[in-house]
Amino acid sequence: MMNYNLHTASDVNLLTGKFAENLKASENIFIPSYVITTNYGLNNWIKLQLAEHNGIAANLRFVKNEEFTDIIV
């Protein structure tokens, strides 16, 4: 069963910082984290920001909105 955490904000820097904190506190690093984004450029930017915050960005699955609904169904 997947756990879902939904965070929204108008500032992508705020979202990325919160996500970095959540990843750092994660209990199981072997469970992938899914990130719903709109484009590949944003995916790369998020990876770079997470690596800067946490020293690493790993086990992330970037999907678009329509792909995520296929995953959870």
Protein backbone atom coordinates (compact mmCIF):
# COMPACT_ATOMS: atom_id res chain seq x y z
CA MET A 1 0.00 0.00 0.00
CA MET A 2 1.31 3.44 -0.92
CA ASN A 3 1.22 6.40 1.41
CA TYR A 4 0.34 9.74 -0.10
CA ASN A 5 1.48 13.15 1.05
CA LEU A 6 0.19 16.10 -0.90
CA HIS A 7 1.97 19.41 -0.54
CA THR A 8 0.97 22.48 -2.51
CA ALA A 9 2.39 25.98 -2.66
CA SER A 10 2.88 28.76 -5.14
CA ASP A 11 6.63 28.75 -4.45
CA VAL A 12 8.49 25.76 -5.89
CA ASN A 13 11.48 26.50 -3.64
CA LEU A 14 9.28 26.07 -0.57
CA LEU A 15 7.92 22.77 -1.90
CA THR A 16 11.36 21.44 -2.72
CA GLY A 17 12.69 22.37 0.73
CA LYS A 18 9.79 20.61 2.45
CA PHE A 19 10.24 17.57 0.21
CA ALA A 20 13.96 17.45 1.04
CA GLU A 21 13.12 17.46 4.77
CA ASN A 22 10.59 14.66 4.30
CA LEU A 23 13.06 12.54 2.32
CA LYS A 24 15.75 13.01 4.95
CA ALA A 25 13.33 11.84 7.66
CA SER A 26 12.12 8.87 5.60
CA GLU A 27 12.24 5.56 7.45
CA ASN A 28 12.74 3.31 4.42
CA ILE A 29 15.10 4.55 1.73
CA PHE A 30 14.28 1.56 -0.48
CA ILE A 31 10.69 2.65 -1.15
CA PRO A 32 10.66 5.01 -4.15
CA SER A 33 9.25 8.50 -3.81
CA TYR A 34 6.94 9.59 -6.62
CA VAL A 35 7.03 13.21 -7.71
CA ILE A 36 4.31 14.55 -9.98
CA THR A 37 5.59 17.31 -12.25
CA THR A 38 4.70 18.89 -15.56
CA ASN A 39 7.97 18.70 -17.48
CA TYR A 40 11.46 17.20 -17.62
CA GLY A 41 13.21 20.49 -16.93
CA LEU A 42 11.44 20.75 -13.58
CA ASN A 43 12.38 17.13 -12.82
CA ASN A 44 16.06 17.92 -13.26
CA TRP A 45 15.82 21.12 -11.25
CA ILE A 46 14.14 19.26 -8.36
CA LYS A 47 16.85 16.57 -8.41
CA LEU A 48 19.55 19.21 -8.24
CA GLN A 49 17.82 21.02 -5.37
CA LEU A 50 17.32 17.79 -3.40
CA ALA A 51 20.96 16.82 -3.91
CA GLU A 52 22.01 20.26 -2.71
CA HIS A 53 19.81 19.99 0.43
CA ASN A 54 20.48 16.35 1.30
CA GLY A 55 23.75 15.54 -0.42
CA ILE A 56 22.02 13.00 -2.68
CA ALA A 57 18.88 12.60 -4.76
CA ALA A 58 18.07 8.92 -5.30
CA ASN A 59 15.16 6.52 -5.71
CA LEU A 60 12.87 9.19 -7.13
CA ARG A 61 10.20 8.47 -9.74
CA PHE A 62 9.10 11.50 -11.73
CA VAL A 63 5.73 11.12 -13.44
CA LYS A 64 3.20 13.37 -15.10
CA ASN A 65 -0.36 13.71 -13.80
CA GLU A 66 -1.89 11.21 -16.23
CA GLU A 67 0.87 8.67 -15.60
CA PHE A 68 0.34 8.81 -11.85
CA THR A 69 -3.32 7.85 -12.11
CA ASP A 70 -2.24 4.74 -14.04
CA ILE A 71 0.19 3.84 -11.26
CA ILE A 72 -2.28 4.13 -8.38
CA VAL A 73 -5.17 2.31 -10.08
